Amino acid sequence: MAPDYTGTPYAALGGAEGIRRLVHRFYELMDTLPEAWDVRQMHPEALSGSEEKLFKYLSGWLGGPPLFEQEFGHPRLRARHLPFTITSAERDQWLMCMRQAFDEQIPDGPVRARLWEAVVGLADHMRNRPDPA
């Protein structure tokens, strides 16, 4: 019997297709907005691998198939990002791109509001260096 994702944020966003659209738009924005330059520089020139990893992570994080864990093990997000300097500035650039992707890809309503709160908390947790004085 196939897993039932009914009632999950994964289902509310349109399953794999909806999450792929969100992630693709997020990386398009990161790649093109000059205001996201610092966070873009943390990524490889080709974003396809990063896009695929974020899709897989969000799939499980949103209550769908745990694709990231099946392939890479526990996400350990903070540890995986420690090689990169992430201050409030990088967090804010990342959130700017994700906010626009949310606004364009997820209908306004309680699901989007709850998810946005969770995404902001996750992004804030990723800060690993003090802000410059």
Protein backbone atom coordinates (compact mmCIF):
# COMPACT_ATOMS: atom_id res chain seq x y z
CA MET A 1 0.00 0.00 0.00
CA ALA A 2 1.35 3.41 -0.99
CA PRO A 3 1.88 6.03 1.75
CA ASP A 4 -0.94 8.52 2.22
CA TYR A 5 0.27 12.11 2.37
CA THR A 6 -3.24 13.58 2.59
CA GLY A 7 -3.42 16.43 5.06
CA THR A 8 0.30 17.15 4.99
CA PRO A 9 1.92 20.39 3.85
CA TYR A 10 3.48 18.23 1.10
CA ALA A 11 -0.01 17.50 -0.26
CA ALA A 12 -1.21 21.08 0.29
CA LEU A 13 1.65 22.35 -1.90
CA GLY A 14 0.77 19.97 -4.71
CA GLY A 15 3.08 17.08 -3.87
CA ALA A 16 6.34 16.60 -5.73
CA GLU A 17 5.27 18.81 -8.64
CA GLY A 18 4.38 21.75 -6.40
CA ILE A 19 7.58 21.47 -4.40
CA ARG A 20 9.66 21.23 -7.58
CA ARG A 21 8.05 24.45 -8.87
CA LEU A 22 8.75 26.22 -5.57
CA VAL A 23 12.38 25.10 -5.44
CA HIS A 24 12.99 25.86 -9.11
CA ARG A 25 11.64 29.38 -8.72
CA PHE A 26 13.68 29.89 -5.56
CA TYR A 27 16.91 29.04 -7.38
CA GLU A 28 15.94 31.15 -10.41
CA LEU A 29 15.57 34.11 -8.07
CA MET A 30 18.82 33.39 -6.26
CA ASP A 31 20.59 33.15 -9.60
CA THR A 32 19.22 36.42 -10.99
CA LEU A 33 18.59 38.86 -8.15
CA PRO A 34 21.62 41.07 -7.50
CA GLU A 35 20.48 41.39 -3.88
CA ALA A 36 21.14 37.64 -3.44
CA TRP A 37 24.73 37.77 -4.70
CA ASP A 38 26.41 36.76 -1.43
CA VAL A 39 24.24 33.70 -0.86
CA ARG A 40 24.49 32.76 -4.56
CA GLN A 41 28.29 32.67 -4.26
CA MET A 42 28.01 29.85 -1.72
CA HIS A 43 26.59 27.58 -4.41
CA PRO A 44 28.24 25.86 -7.36
CA GLU A 45 28.04 27.53 -10.76
CA ALA A 46 25.42 25.01 -11.89
CA LEU A 47 22.51 25.02 -9.45
CA SER A 48 20.86 21.77 -10.56
CA GLY A 49 22.46 19.67 -7.81
CA SER A 50 21.52 22.18 -5.11
CA GLU A 51 18.01 22.38 -6.51
CA GLU A 52 17.63 18.61 -6.40
CA LYS A 53 18.91 18.38 -2.82
CA LEU A 54 16.57 21.12 -1.61
CA PHE A 55 13.65 19.42 -3.37
CA LYS A 56 14.48 16.12 -1.68
CA TYR A 57 14.91 17.77 1.71
CA LEU A 58 11.64 19.71 1.47
CA SER A 59 9.78 16.60 0.34
CA GLY A 60 10.42 14.92 3.68
CA TRP A 61 10.35 18.10 5.77
CA LEU A 62 6.88 18.86 4.47
CA GLY A 63 5.52 15.40 5.28
CA GLY A 64 6.08 13.66 1.97
CA PRO A 65 8.55 10.93 1.01
CA PRO A 66 11.84 11.25 2.94
CA LEU A 67 13.91 11.38 -0.25
CA PHE A 68 16.87 13.24 1.22
CA GLU A 69 17.24 10.85 4.15
CA GLN A 70 16.89 7.82 1.88
CA GLU A 71 19.79 9.04 -0.24
CA PHE A 72 22.03 10.98 2.13
CA GLY A 73 21.01 10.02 5.67
CA HIS A 74 19.98 12.48 8.36
CA PRO A 75 19.97 16.03 6.96
CA ARG A 76 22.21 17.53 9.69
CA LEU A 77 21.54 20.87 8.00
CA ARG A 78 23.52 23.05 10.35
CA ALA A 79 26.56 20.77 10.19
CA ARG A 80 26.38 20.58 6.40
CA HIS A 81 26.41 24.38 6.21
CA LEU A 82 29.22 25.02 8.70
CA PRO A 83 31.86 25.43 5.96
CA PHE A 84 29.93 28.50 4.77
CA THR A 85 29.73 31.84 6.55
CA ILE A 86 26.08 32.41 7.31
CA THR A 87 25.26 35.62 9.14
CA SER A 88 21.99 37.53 9.25
CA ALA A 89 22.87 39.02 5.84
CA GLU A 90 23.09 35.63 4.10
CA ARG A 91 20.01 34.41 5.96
CA ASP A 92 18.09 37.48 4.82
CA GLN A 93 19.18 37.05 1.19
CA TRP A 94 18.10 33.40 1.26
CA LEU A 95 14.77 34.35 2.85
CA MET A 96 14.21 37.12 0.30
CA CYS A 97 14.41 34.59 -2.54
CA MET A 98 12.30 32.04 -0.68
CA ARG A 99 9.71 34.69 0.22
CA GLN A 100 9.24 35.68 -3.40
CA ALA A 101 9.04 32.01 -4.44
CA PHE A 102 6.43 31.42 -1.70
CA ASP A 103 4.43 34.44 -2.81
CA GLU A 104 4.45 33.27 -6.43
CA GLN A 105 3.97 29.53 -5.92
CA ILE A 106 1.86 29.00 -2.78
CA PRO A 107 -1.68 30.38 -2.45
CA ASP A 108 -2.16 32.84 0.39
CA GLY A 109 -3.73 31.27 3.43
CA PRO A 110 -3.05 29.47 6.70
CA VAL A 111 -0.85 26.76 5.15
CA ARG A 112 1.48 29.32 3.60
CA ALA A 113 1.57 31.37 6.80
CA ARG A 114 2.46 28.34 8.96
CA LEU A 115 5.07 27.14 6.50
CA TRP A 116 6.61 30.59 6.26
CA GLU A 117 7.02 30.75 10.04
CA ALA A 118 8.74 27.37 9.98
CA VAL A 119 11.03 28.39 7.09
CA VAL A 120 12.05 31.59 8.87
CA GLY A 121 12.89 29.59 11.99
CA LEU A 122 14.91 27.11 9.96
CA ALA A 123 16.80 29.86 8.14
CA ASP A 124 17.55 31.63 11.41
CA HIS A 125 18.88 28.39 12.90
CA MET A 126 21.35 28.11 10.01
CA ARG A 127 23.25 31.26 11.06
CA ASN A 128 26.67 30.07 12.18
CA ARG A 129 28.76 33.24 12.47
CA PRO A 130 28.19 36.45 14.38
CA ASP A 131 27.09 39.45 12.39
CA PRO A 132 29.96 41.83 11.56
CA ALA A 133 30.24 44.77 13.93
